[in-house]
């Protein structure tokens, strides 16, 4: 693939990639995945609490694993939020384009 220099970096000729988080999947899938991950996270924290009573080091390790699961749960729900926001923005742009009538120039982002 041919590359060109952009601000001291090499980027594909097609242009730079969009910045920021790009959501993927579906809203329903993200919510279901987040719910399942949340249930697993709660069970990990519960098990870690019980393990801490017998072996504090094992309990601490369980809490560390629980924090990772909590991060995945948070990301799943944040992805659902971003997907919902994107869908609302697309619906608003579509409504504006339909209100403008046929032959009108599309608004940016369409």
Protein backbone atom coordinates (compact mmCIF):
# COMPACT_ATOMS: atom_id res chain seq x y z
CA UNK A 1 0.00 0.00 0.00
CA UNK A 2 1.36 3.39 -0.96
CA UNK A 3 1.87 5.84 1.88
CA UNK A 4 2.36 9.57 2.22
CA UNK A 5 3.68 11.77 5.02
CA UNK A 6 1.16 13.65 7.14
CA UNK A 7 2.40 15.78 10.04
CA UNK A 8 5.55 13.70 10.44
CA UNK A 9 3.64 10.41 10.33
CA UNK A 10 3.06 7.96 7.52
CA UNK A 11 -0.62 7.54 6.64
CA UNK A 12 -2.39 5.57 3.90
CA UNK A 13 -3.14 7.58 0.76
CA UNK A 14 -6.87 7.21 1.41
CA UNK A 15 -6.52 9.65 4.28
CA UNK A 16 -6.11 9.43 8.00
CA UNK A 17 -8.31 7.10 10.02
CA UNK A 18 -11.06 8.71 12.11
CA UNK A 19 -10.04 9.53 15.65
CA UNK A 20 -11.84 8.42 18.77
CA UNK A 21 -13.68 5.29 19.73
CA UNK A 22 -15.61 3.63 16.93
CA UNK A 23 -18.49 1.54 18.29
CA UNK A 24 -19.21 -1.86 16.85
CA UNK A 25 -21.86 -4.54 17.08
CA UNK A 26 -25.45 -3.88 18.06
CA UNK A 27 -27.04 -2.11 21.01
CA UNK A 28 -28.82 -5.30 22.06
CA UNK A 29 -25.62 -7.34 21.83
CA UNK A 30 -23.72 -4.81 23.92
CA UNK A 31 -26.41 -4.72 26.60
CA UNK A 32 -26.66 -8.52 26.75
CA UNK A 33 -22.87 -8.84 26.84
CA UNK A 34 -22.61 -6.18 29.55
CA UNK A 35 -25.29 -7.88 31.62
CA UNK A 36 -23.55 -11.25 31.39
CA UNK A 37 -20.19 -9.68 32.19
CA UNK A 38 -21.79 -7.88 35.14
CA UNK A 39 -23.14 -11.13 36.57
CA UNK A 40 -19.73 -12.78 36.16
CA UNK A 41 -18.08 -9.76 37.79
CA UNK A 42 -20.35 -10.00 40.82
CA UNK A 43 -19.61 -13.70 41.22
CA UNK A 44 -15.85 -13.04 40.93
CA UNK A 45 -16.00 -10.37 43.63
CA UNK A 46 -18.11 -12.63 45.87
CA UNK A 47 -15.67 -15.49 45.44
CA UNK A 48 -12.73 -13.17 46.09
CA UNK A 49 -14.36 -11.96 49.31
CA UNK A 50 -14.82 -15.53 50.53
CA UNK A 51 -11.28 -16.45 49.45
CA UNK A 52 -9.91 -13.48 51.38
CA UNK A 53 -11.23 -14.98 54.61
CA UNK A 54 -9.01 -18.04 54.14
CA UNK A 55 -6.07 -16.70 52.14
CA UNK A 56 -5.64 -12.91 51.80
CA UNK A 57 -3.25 -13.21 48.84
CA UNK A 58 -5.70 -15.39 46.90
CA UNK A 59 -8.51 -12.97 47.76
CA UNK A 60 -6.45 -10.02 46.51
CA UNK A 61 -5.80 -11.85 43.23
CA UNK A 62 -9.53 -12.44 42.90
CA UNK A 63 -10.22 -8.74 43.36
CA UNK A 64 -7.69 -7.87 40.66
CA UNK A 65 -9.42 -10.27 38.26
CA UNK A 66 -12.77 -8.76 39.31
CA UNK A 67 -11.52 -5.29 38.40
CA UNK A 68 -10.66 -6.51 34.91
CA UNK A 69 -14.13 -8.01 34.54
CA UNK A 70 -15.66 -4.76 35.79
CA UNK A 71 -13.72 -2.85 33.12
CA UNK A 72 -15.09 -5.15 30.40
CA UNK A 73 -18.61 -4.69 31.76
CA UNK A 74 -18.18 -0.92 31.65
CA UNK A 75 -16.87 -1.03 28.08
CA UNK A 76 -19.84 -3.11 26.91
CA UNK A 77 -22.34 -0.61 28.29
CA UNK A 78 -20.32 2.35 26.97
CA UNK A 79 -20.35 0.74 23.52
CA UNK A 80 -24.15 0.45 23.74
CA UNK A 81 -24.28 4.16 24.63
CA UNK A 82 -22.11 5.12 21.65
CA UNK A 83 -24.19 2.98 19.28
CA UNK A 84 -27.41 4.58 20.52
CA UNK A 85 -25.93 8.05 20.12
CA UNK A 86 -24.74 7.25 16.58
CA UNK A 87 -28.16 5.88 15.59
CA UNK A 88 -29.92 8.99 16.92
CA UNK A 89 -27.57 11.28 15.01
CA UNK A 90 -28.13 9.31 11.80
CA UNK A 91 -31.90 9.47 12.28
CA UNK A 92 -31.71 13.23 12.82
CA UNK A 93 -29.62 13.72 9.65
CA UNK A 94 -32.04 11.55 7.68
CA UNK A 95 -35.02 13.56 8.95
CA UNK A 96 -33.33 16.82 7.94
CA UNK A 97 -32.54 15.45 4.46
CA UNK A 98 -36.12 14.26 3.98
CA UNK A 99 -37.47 17.62 5.13
CA UNK A 100 -35.28 19.42 2.60
CA UNK A 101 -36.89 17.51 -0.22
CA UNK A 102 -35.54 15.69 -3.29
CA UNK A 103 -32.41 17.03 -4.94
CA UNK A 104 -31.20 18.80 -1.81
CA UNK A 105 -27.54 18.54 -0.88
CA UNK A 106 -26.93 16.02 1.94
CA UNK A 107 -25.77 17.38 5.24
CA UNK A 108 -22.20 16.54 6.30
CA UNK A 109 -21.84 13.02 7.66
CA UNK A 110 -24.40 11.40 5.37
